[in-house]
Amino acid sequence: MAQIFKALADSTRRRLLDRLHADNGQTLGALCRDLGITRQGITQHLVVLEAAGLVTTVWRGREKLHYLNPVPLHEIHTRWIAKFERADLDALSTLKQDLEHKESPVEKPQLVYVTYIASTPEQVWNALTDPELTAKYWDHRNVSTWTKGASWEHVSIAGEVQIVGTVLEIDPPHRLAHTWAAPADADNPARRSRVTFDLEPVGDTVRLTVTHEDLPQDQLDGTKNGWARVLSSLKSLLETGHGLPSIL
């Protein structure tokens, strides 16, 4: 976590995160506006933020978009703040609000998360698709035959189907994409979103990128905080054998 605290210690880097908080998914040129710093200087700050995992990038055509990645902030909250269980620490819930994203006329993913897990792509893939493993860190079972075109269900421990969808892409253990909708919205294209999991080996770790796009605006608030916790819990399960305590 030393890299995270070092990255946050610089006021310019905090301003860059504030900009991504206000409008997630910006180009380098957009981030350079009105900061009074050279393009090279901003690039160097972004390198530090990416190394700390606080910023991730996605290519859309020729544009490189920068996104605030809230997973490290959630891990800091879990390790250093939440365990004290003091009421006055509720003010620090603004850390989670960094996940907010304003609508923009430019087409871009609405939510992008990155975490590094000390595991193998095969183990991470299994944790994403095995219903009993998903229950251990997600409090839900992901149930499907996991073939292209197959249906999938996100089933609570109590047996309630809460999310449904269709597998759009599947390339084990590298990429999985499926639609995401409440059961009542399954036949309404305007209410369906898309979730993509990309797994990339990086040394002895796996870089897991989750992109959730095309979310209806009224679902954004209910979804944005959940992914950070789910990915932190997945990381904990694969690295320690235990997911985060259930919040149900």
C-alpha atoms as a PDB file:
ATOM      1  CA  MET A   1       0.000   0.000   0.000  1.00  0.00           C
ATOM      2  CA  ALA A   2       3.040   2.281   0.175  1.00  0.00           C
ATOM      3  CA  GLN A   3       2.644   3.142  -3.520  1.00  0.00           C
ATOM      4  CA  ILE A   4      -0.952   4.204  -2.948  1.00  0.00           C
ATOM      5  CA  PHE A   5      -0.108   6.550  -0.061  1.00  0.00           C
ATOM      6  CA  LYS A   6       2.846   7.969  -2.014  1.00  0.00           C
ATOM      7  CA  ALA A   7       0.632   8.638  -5.018  1.00  0.00           C
ATOM      8  CA  LEU A   8      -2.018  10.350  -2.885  1.00  0.00           C
ATOM      9  CA  ALA A   9       0.567  12.527  -1.138  1.00  0.00           C
ATOM     10  CA  ASP A  10       1.000  14.773  -4.193  1.00  0.00           C
ATOM     11  CA  SER A  11      -1.570  17.551  -4.653  1.00  0.00           C
ATOM     12  CA  THR A  12      -1.428  17.438  -8.462  1.00  0.00           C
ATOM     13  CA  ARG A  13      -2.153  13.730  -8.476  1.00  0.00           C
ATOM     14  CA  ARG A  14      -5.060  14.297  -6.105  1.00  0.00           C
ATOM     15  CA  ARG A  15      -6.385  16.951  -8.504  1.00  0.00           C
ATOM     16  CA  LEU A  16      -6.164  14.466 -11.360  1.00  0.00           C
ATOM     17  CA  LEU A  17      -8.168  11.956  -9.329  1.00  0.00           C
ATOM     18  CA  ASP A  18     -10.692  14.696  -8.533  1.00  0.00           C
ATOM     19  CA  ARG A  19     -11.069  15.331 -12.265  1.00  0.00           C
ATOM     20  CA  LEU A  20     -11.672  11.664 -12.943  1.00  0.00           C
ATOM     21  CA  HIS A  21     -14.111  11.597 -10.047  1.00  0.00           C
ATOM     22  CA  ALA A  22     -16.044  14.430 -11.687  1.00  0.00           C
ATOM     23  CA  ASP A  23     -15.908  12.913 -15.185  1.00  0.00           C
ATOM     24  CA  ASN A  24     -14.481   9.422 -15.421  1.00  0.00           C
ATOM     25  CA  GLY A  25     -12.857   8.263 -18.658  1.00  0.00           C
ATOM     26  CA  GLN A  26     -10.865  11.273 -19.924  1.00  0.00           C
ATOM     27  CA  THR A  27      -8.115  11.596 -22.517  1.00  0.00           C
ATOM     28  CA  LEU A  28      -4.683  12.949 -21.630  1.00  0.00           C
ATOM     29  CA  GLY A  29      -5.496  16.184 -23.441  1.00  0.00           C
ATOM     30  CA  ALA A  30      -8.646  16.712 -21.377  1.00  0.00           C
ATOM     31  CA  LEU A  31      -6.776  16.081 -18.133  1.00  0.00           C
ATOM     32  CA  CYS A  32      -4.105  18.632 -19.084  1.00  0.00           C
ATOM     33  CA  ARG A  33      -6.533  21.524 -19.432  1.00  0.00           C
ATOM     34  CA  ASP A  34      -6.179  24.417 -16.969  1.00  0.00           C
ATOM     35  CA  LEU A  35      -3.637  22.681 -14.729  1.00  0.00           C
ATOM     36  CA  GLY A  36      -0.677  24.836 -15.736  1.00  0.00           C
ATOM     37  CA  ILE A  37       1.540  21.762 -16.101  1.00  0.00           C
ATOM     38  CA  THR A  38       3.180  20.412 -19.239  1.00  0.00           C
ATOM     39  CA  ARG A  39       1.734  17.390 -21.003  1.00  0.00           C
ATOM     40  CA  GLN A  40       4.904  15.488 -20.089  1.00  0.00           C
ATOM     41  CA  GLY A  41       4.460  16.400 -16.428  1.00  0.00           C
ATOM     42  CA  ILE A  42       0.852  15.183 -16.382  1.00  0.00           C
ATOM     43  CA  THR A  43       1.946  11.967 -18.107  1.00  0.00           C
ATOM     44  CA  GLN A  44       4.524  11.358 -15.364  1.00  0.00           C
ATOM     45  CA  HIS A  45       1.893  11.858 -12.662  1.00  0.00           C
ATOM     46  CA  LEU A  46      -0.443   9.440 -14.443  1.00  0.00           C
ATOM     47  CA  VAL A  47       2.340   6.841 -14.569  1.00  0.00           C
ATOM     48  CA  VAL A  48       2.614   7.063 -10.762  1.00  0.00           C
ATOM     49  CA  LEU A  49      -1.161   6.766 -10.352  1.00  0.00           C
ATOM     50  CA  GLU A  50      -1.297   3.772 -12.704  1.00  0.00           C
ATOM     51  CA  ALA A  51       1.581   2.078 -10.855  1.00  0.00           C
ATOM     52  CA  ALA A  52      -0.382   2.505  -7.627  1.00  0.00           C
ATOM     53  CA  GLY A  53      -3.491   1.053  -9.264  1.00  0.00           C
ATOM     54  CA  LEU A  54      -5.494   4.247  -8.724  1.00  0.00           C
ATOM     55  CA  VAL A  55      -5.885   4.920 -12.439  1.00  0.00           C
ATOM     56  CA  THR A  56      -6.455   2.467 -15.260  1.00  0.00           C
ATOM     57  CA  THR A  57      -6.687   3.043 -18.995  1.00  0.00           C
ATOM     58  CA  VAL A  58      -8.887   1.737 -21.782  1.00  0.00           C
ATOM     59  CA  TRP A  59      -8.326   2.231 -25.504  1.00  0.00           C
ATOM     60  CA  ARG A  60     -11.365   3.271 -27.521  1.00  0.00           C
ATOM     61  CA  GLY A  61     -10.219   3.440 -31.134  1.00  0.00           C
ATOM     62  CA  ARG A  62      -7.280   5.837 -31.158  1.00  0.00           C
ATOM     63  CA  GLU A  63      -8.243   7.447 -27.866  1.00  0.00           C
ATOM     64  CA  LYS A  64      -6.705   6.360 -24.569  1.00  0.00           C
ATOM     65  CA  LEU A  65      -9.213   6.970 -21.776  1.00  0.00           C
ATOM     66  CA  HIS A  66      -8.169   7.265 -18.127  1.00  0.00           C
ATOM     67  CA  TYR A  67     -10.407   5.941 -15.334  1.00  0.00           C
ATOM     68  CA  LEU A  68     -10.372   6.253 -11.579  1.00  0.00           C
ATOM     69  CA  ASN A  69      -9.937   2.735 -10.172  1.00  0.00           C
ATOM     70  CA  PRO A  70     -11.597   2.614  -6.718  1.00  0.00           C
ATOM     71  CA  VAL A  71     -10.489  -0.887  -5.710  1.00  0.00           C
ATOM     72  CA  PRO A  72      -7.274   0.207  -3.876  1.00  0.00           C
ATOM     73  CA  LEU A  73      -9.249   2.875  -2.006  1.00  0.00           C
ATOM     74  CA  HIS A  74     -11.750   0.239  -0.921  1.00  0.00           C
ATOM     75  CA  GLU A  75      -8.903  -1.976   0.308  1.00  0.00           C
ATOM     76  CA  ILE A  76      -7.505   0.914   2.377  1.00  0.00           C
ATOM     77  CA  HIS A  77     -10.973   1.499   3.794  1.00  0.00           C
ATOM     78  CA  THR A  78     -11.346  -2.178   4.663  1.00  0.00           C
ATOM     79  CA  ARG A  79      -7.927  -2.527   6.296  1.00  0.00           C
ATOM     80  CA  TRP A  80      -7.435   0.809   8.036  1.00  0.00           C
ATOM     81  CA  ILE A  81     -10.850   2.345   8.579  1.00  0.00           C
ATOM     82  CA  ALA A  82     -13.799  -0.065   8.633  1.00  0.00           C
ATOM     83  CA  LYS A  83     -12.274  -2.354  11.256  1.00  0.00           C
ATOM     84  CA  PHE A  84     -12.384   0.396  13.885  1.00  0.00           C
ATOM     85  CA  GLU A  85     -16.199   0.490  13.629  1.00  0.00           C
ATOM     86  CA  ARG A  86     -16.534   4.055  14.925  1.00  0.00           C
ATOM     87  CA  ALA A  87     -19.611   6.060  14.031  1.00  0.00           C
ATOM     88  CA  ASP A  88     -17.679   9.255  13.370  1.00  0.00           C
ATOM     89  CA  LEU A  89     -15.772   7.487  10.581  1.00  0.00           C
ATOM     90  CA  ASP A  90     -18.936   7.500   8.496  1.00  0.00           C
ATOM     91  CA  ALA A  91     -17.709  10.789   7.063  1.00  0.00           C
ATOM     92  CA  LEU A  92     -14.991   8.845   5.270  1.00  0.00           C
ATOM     93  CA  SER A  93     -17.636   7.124   3.154  1.00  0.00           C
ATOM     94  CA  THR A  94     -16.714   9.780   0.587  1.00  0.00           C
ATOM     95  CA  LEU A  95     -13.927   7.407  -0.402  1.00  0.00           C
ATOM     96  CA  LYS A  96     -16.564   5.188  -1.927  1.00  0.00           C
ATOM     97  CA  GLN A  97     -18.213   8.128  -3.626  1.00  0.00           C
ATOM     98  CA  ASP A  98     -15.122   8.364  -5.825  1.00  0.00           C
ATOM     99  CA  LEU A  99     -16.837   5.689  -7.878  1.00  0.00           C
ATOM    100  CA  GLU A 100     -19.381   8.195  -9.128  1.00  0.00           C
ATOM    101  CA  HIS A 101     -19.503   8.881 -12.825  1.00  0.00           C
ATOM    102  CA  LYS A 102     -21.255  11.673 -14.656  1.00  0.00           C
ATOM    103  CA  GLU A 103     -22.984  10.999 -17.924  1.00  0.00           C
ATOM    104  CA  SER A 104     -21.080  12.252 -20.957  1.00  0.00           C
ATOM    105  CA  PRO A 105     -22.102  12.563 -24.592  1.00  0.00           C
ATOM    106  CA  VAL A 106     -18.921  10.680 -25.520  1.00  0.00           C
ATOM    107  CA  GLU A 107     -19.460   6.931 -25.653  1.00  0.00           C
ATOM    108  CA  LYS A 108     -17.263   5.289 -23.038  1.00  0.00           C
ATOM    109  CA  PRO A 109     -17.511   2.611 -20.349  1.00  0.00           C
ATOM    110  CA  GLN A 110     -19.371   3.791 -17.275  1.00  0.00           C
ATOM    111  CA  LEU A 111     -17.478   1.729 -14.696  1.00  0.00           C
ATOM    112  CA  VAL A 112     -13.957   0.288 -14.993  1.00  0.00           C
ATOM    113  CA  TYR A 113     -12.180  -1.558 -12.175  1.00  0.00           C
ATOM    114  CA  VAL A 114      -8.735  -3.148 -11.995  1.00  0.00           C
ATOM    115  CA  THR A 115      -7.222  -5.357  -9.321  1.00  0.00           C
ATOM    116  CA  TYR A 116      -4.075  -7.490  -9.173  1.00  0.00           C
ATOM    117  CA  ILE A 117      -4.484 -10.927  -7.606  1.00  0.00           C
ATOM    118  CA  ALA A 118      -1.641 -13.220  -6.552  1.00  0.00           C
ATOM    119  CA  SER A 119      -3.056 -16.217  -8.374  1.00  0.00           C
ATOM    120  CA  THR A 120      -3.205 -17.806 -11.831  1.00  0.00           C
ATOM    121  CA  PRO A 121      -5.612 -16.963 -14.684  1.00  0.00           C
ATOM    122  CA  GLU A 122      -7.132 -20.428 -14.356  1.00  0.00           C
ATOM    123  CA  GLN A 123      -7.847 -19.963 -10.646  1.00  0.00           C
ATOM    124  CA  VAL A 124      -9.337 -16.502 -11.157  1.00  0.00           C
ATOM    125  CA  TRP A 125     -11.469 -17.793 -14.032  1.00  0.00           C
ATOM    126  CA  ASN A 126     -12.712 -20.650 -11.891  1.00  0.00           C
ATOM    127  CA  ALA A 127     -13.599 -18.203  -9.115  1.00  0.00           C
ATOM    128  CA  LEU A 128     -15.665 -16.151 -11.582  1.00  0.00           C
ATOM    129  CA  THR A 129     -17.593 -19.100 -13.013  1.00  0.00           C
ATOM    130  CA  ASP A 130     -17.851 -21.747 -10.287  1.00  0.00           C
ATOM    131  CA  PRO A 131     -21.139 -21.186  -8.399  1.00  0.00           C
ATOM    132  CA  GLU A 132     -19.823 -22.452  -5.063  1.00  0.00           C
ATOM    133  CA  LEU A 133     -16.728 -20.250  -5.234  1.00  0.00           C
ATOM    134  CA  THR A 134     -18.710 -17.157  -6.204  1.00  0.00           C
ATOM    135  CA  ALA A 135     -20.910 -17.757  -3.163  1.00  0.00           C
ATOM    136  CA  LYS A 136     -17.835 -17.502  -0.912  1.00  0.00           C
ATOM    137  CA  TYR A 137     -16.892 -13.955  -1.904  1.00  0.00           C
ATOM    138  CA  TRP A 138     -19.992 -12.546  -3.620  1.00  0.00           C
ATOM    139  CA  ASP A 139     -22.788 -13.932  -1.429  1.00  0.00           C
ATOM    140  CA  HIS A 140     -24.355 -15.080  -4.725  1.00  0.00           C
ATOM    141  CA  ARG A 141     -23.867 -18.025  -7.066  1.00  0.00           C
ATOM    142  CA  ASN A 142     -23.154 -17.384 -10.741  1.00  0.00           C
ATOM    143  CA  VAL A 143     -24.905 -20.245 -12.518  1.00  0.00           C
ATOM    144  CA  SER A 144     -24.474 -21.093 -16.213  1.00  0.00           C
ATOM    145  CA  THR A 145     -23.095 -23.664 -18.632  1.00  0.00           C
ATOM    146  CA  TRP A 146     -20.691 -20.879 -19.693  1.00  0.00           C
ATOM    147  CA  THR A 147     -20.961 -21.326 -23.425  1.00  0.00           C
ATOM    148  CA  LYS A 148     -21.559 -18.517 -25.908  1.00  0.00           C
ATOM    149  CA  GLY A 149     -25.247 -17.737 -26.138  1.00  0.00           C
ATOM    150  CA  ALA A 150     -26.058 -19.563 -22.886  1.00  0.00           C
ATOM    151  CA  SER A 151     -28.097 -17.916 -20.149  1.00  0.00           C
ATOM    152  CA  TRP A 152     -26.610 -17.141 -16.733  1.00  0.00           C
ATOM    153  CA  GLU A 153     -28.174 -16.331 -13.380  1.00  0.00           C
ATOM    154  CA  HIS A 154     -26.905 -14.442 -10.334  1.00  0.00           C
ATOM    155  CA  VAL A 155     -28.616 -16.321  -7.488  1.00  0.00           C
ATOM    156  CA  SER A 156     -28.611 -15.208  -3.840  1.00  0.00           C
ATOM    157  CA  ILE A 157     -27.704 -17.627  -1.056  1.00  0.00           C
ATOM    158  CA  ALA A 158     -31.427 -17.759  -0.266  1.00  0.00           C
ATOM    159  CA  GLY A 159     -32.105 -18.991  -3.816  1.00  0.00           C
ATOM    160  CA  GLU A 160     -33.562 -15.792  -5.322  1.00  0.00           C
ATOM    161  CA  VAL A 161     -32.567 -15.043  -8.927  1.00  0.00           C
ATOM    162  CA  GLN A 162     -31.565 -11.381  -8.808  1.00  0.00           C
ATOM    163  CA  ILE A 163     -29.667 -10.826 -12.072  1.00  0.00           C
ATOM    164  CA  VAL A 164     -29.945 -12.637 -15.419  1.00  0.00           C
ATOM    165  CA  GLY A 165     -28.173 -12.404 -18.737  1.00  0.00           C
ATOM    166  CA  THR A 166     -26.674 -14.066 -21.798  1.00  0.00           C
ATOM    167  CA  VAL A 167     -23.048 -15.035 -22.359  1.00  0.00           C
ATOM    168  CA  LEU A 168     -21.746 -12.862 -25.215  1.00  0.00           C
ATOM    169  CA  GLU A 169     -18.041 -13.784 -25.290  1.00  0.00           C
ATOM    170  CA  ILE A 170     -16.127 -16.584 -23.615  1.00  0.00           C
ATOM    171  CA  ASP A 171     -12.419 -17.324 -23.993  1.00  0.00           C
ATOM    172  CA  PRO A 172     -11.162 -19.180 -20.900  1.00  0.00           C
ATOM    173  CA  PRO A 173      -9.139 -18.081 -19.020  1.00  0.00           C
ATOM    174  CA  HIS A 174      -8.784 -14.702 -20.726  1.00  0.00           C
ATOM    175  CA  ARG A 175     -12.118 -12.992 -21.365  1.00  0.00           C
ATOM    176  CA  LEU A 176     -15.750 -13.338 -20.348  1.00  0.00           C
ATOM    177  CA  ALA A 177     -18.568 -10.977 -21.326  1.00  0.00           C
ATOM    178  CA  HIS A 178     -22.269 -11.219 -20.616  1.00  0.00           C
ATOM    179  CA  THR A 179     -25.354  -9.059 -20.410  1.00  0.00           C
ATOM    180  CA  TRP A 180     -26.716  -7.966 -17.029  1.00  0.00           C
ATOM    181  CA  ALA A 181     -30.316  -7.151 -16.134  1.00  0.00           C
ATOM    182  CA  ALA A 182     -32.939  -7.612 -13.472  1.00  0.00           C
ATOM    183  CA  PRO A 183     -35.237 -10.534 -14.354  1.00  0.00           C
ATOM    184  CA  ALA A 184     -38.106  -8.136 -15.076  1.00  0.00           C
ATOM    185  CA  ASP A 185     -35.904  -6.201 -17.530  1.00  0.00           C
ATOM    186  CA  ALA A 186     -34.418  -9.180 -19.370  1.00  0.00           C
ATOM    187  CA  ASP A 187     -36.412  -8.525 -22.562  1.00  0.00           C
ATOM    188  CA  ASN A 188     -35.871  -4.761 -22.572  1.00  0.00           C
ATOM    189  CA  PRO A 189     -32.670  -3.766 -24.473  1.00  0.00           C
ATOM    190  CA  ALA A 190     -32.699  -0.318 -22.885  1.00  0.00           C
ATOM    191  CA  ARG A 191     -32.436  -1.872 -19.430  1.00  0.00           C
ATOM    192  CA  ARG A 192     -29.673  -4.378 -20.211  1.00  0.00           C
ATOM    193  CA  SER A 193     -26.040  -3.578 -19.512  1.00  0.00           C
ATOM    194  CA  ARG A 194     -22.829  -5.466 -20.298  1.00  0.00           C
ATOM    195  CA  VAL A 195     -20.101  -6.768 -17.989  1.00  0.00           C
ATOM    196  CA  THR A 196     -16.687  -7.808 -19.343  1.00  0.00           C
ATOM    197  CA  PHE A 197     -13.955  -9.571 -17.371  1.00  0.00           C
ATOM    198  CA  ASP A 198     -10.437  -9.442 -18.847  1.00  0.00           C
ATOM    199  CA  LEU A 199      -7.698 -11.567 -17.249  1.00  0.00           C
ATOM    200  CA  GLU A 200      -4.026 -10.933 -18.003  1.00  0.00           C
ATOM    201  CA  PRO A 201      -1.053 -12.645 -16.307  1.00  0.00           C
ATOM    202  CA  VAL A 202       1.473 -10.137 -14.945  1.00  0.00           C
ATOM    203  CA  GLY A 203       4.426 -11.925 -13.361  1.00  0.00           C
ATOM    204  CA  ASP A 204       3.090 -13.933 -10.441  1.00  0.00           C
ATOM    205  CA  THR A 205      -0.223 -12.062 -10.432  1.00  0.00           C
ATOM    206  CA  VAL A 206      -3.318 -11.707 -12.576  1.00  0.00           C
ATOM    207  CA  ARG A 207      -4.514  -8.293 -13.718  1.00  0.00           C
ATOM    208  CA  LEU A 208      -8.302  -8.506 -13.602  1.00  0.00           C
ATOM    209  CA  THR A 209     -10.177  -5.692 -15.366  1.00  0.00           C
ATOM    210  CA  VAL A 210     -13.949  -5.450 -15.001  1.00  0.00           C
ATOM    211  CA  THR A 211     -15.824  -3.117 -17.334  1.00  0.00           C
ATOM    212  CA  HIS A 212     -19.527  -2.498 -16.711  1.00  0.00           C
ATOM    213  CA  GLU A 213     -21.074  -0.385 -19.450  1.00  0.00           C
ATOM    214  CA  ASP A 214     -24.436   0.750 -20.779  1.00  0.00           C
ATOM    215  CA  LEU A 215     -25.912   0.908 -17.284  1.00  0.00           C
ATOM    216  CA  PRO A 216     -29.246   2.717 -17.031  1.00  0.00           C
ATOM    217  CA  GLN A 217     -28.690   5.861 -14.998  1.00  0.00           C
ATOM    218  CA  ASP A 218     -31.044   4.768 -12.214  1.00  0.00           C
ATOM    219  CA  GLN A 219     -28.928   1.612 -11.685  1.00  0.00           C
ATOM    220  CA  LEU A 220     -25.587   3.396 -11.467  1.00  0.00           C
ATOM    221  CA  ASP A 221     -25.780   4.294  -7.774  1.00  0.00           C
ATOM    222  CA  GLY A 222     -26.808   0.778  -6.806  1.00  0.00           C
ATOM    223  CA  THR A 223     -23.979  -0.819  -8.796  1.00  0.00           C
ATOM    224  CA  LYS A 224     -20.935   1.416  -8.438  1.00  0.00           C
ATOM    225  CA  ASN A 225     -19.942   0.537  -4.864  1.00  0.00           C
ATOM    226  CA  GLY A 226     -20.692  -3.160  -5.151  1.00  0.00           C
ATOM    227  CA  TRP A 227     -17.969  -3.975  -7.663  1.00  0.00           C
ATOM    228  CA  ALA A 228     -15.171  -2.558  -5.510  1.00  0.00           C
ATOM    229  CA  ARG A 229     -16.220  -4.729  -2.582  1.00  0.00           C
ATOM    230  CA  VAL A 230     -16.735  -7.838  -4.731  1.00  0.00           C
ATOM    231  CA  LEU A 231     -13.278  -7.551  -6.281  1.00  0.00           C
ATOM    232  CA  SER A 232     -11.648  -6.933  -2.899  1.00  0.00           C
ATOM    233  CA  SER A 233     -13.437  -9.999  -1.546  1.00  0.00           C
ATOM    234  CA  LEU A 234     -12.386 -12.094  -4.558  1.00  0.00           C
ATOM    235  CA  LYS A 235      -8.769 -11.022  -4.064  1.00  0.00           C
ATOM    236  CA  SER A 236      -8.970 -11.894  -0.370  1.00  0.00           C
ATOM    237  CA  LEU A 237     -10.448 -15.324  -1.088  1.00  0.00           C
ATOM    238  CA  LEU A 238      -7.804 -16.309  -3.616  1.00  0.00           C
ATOM    239  CA  GLU A 239      -4.889 -14.930  -1.598  1.00  0.00           C
ATOM    240  CA  THR A 240      -5.918 -15.870   1.947  1.00  0.00           C
ATOM    241  CA  GLY A 241      -8.641 -18.477   1.535  1.00  0.00           C
ATOM    242  CA  HIS A 242     -11.318 -16.191   3.008  1.00  0.00           C
ATOM    243  CA  GLY A 243     -13.586 -13.651   1.348  1.00  0.00           C
ATOM    244  CA  LEU A 244     -14.648 -10.471   3.116  1.00  0.00           C
ATOM    245  CA  PRO A 245     -17.394 -10.852   5.746  1.00  0.00           C
ATOM    246  CA  SER A 246     -20.890 -10.920   4.327  1.00  0.00           C
ATOM    247  CA  ILE A 247     -22.792  -7.637   4.306  1.00  0.00           C
ATOM    248  CA  LEU A 248     -26.157  -9.269   3.647  1.00  0.00           C
END
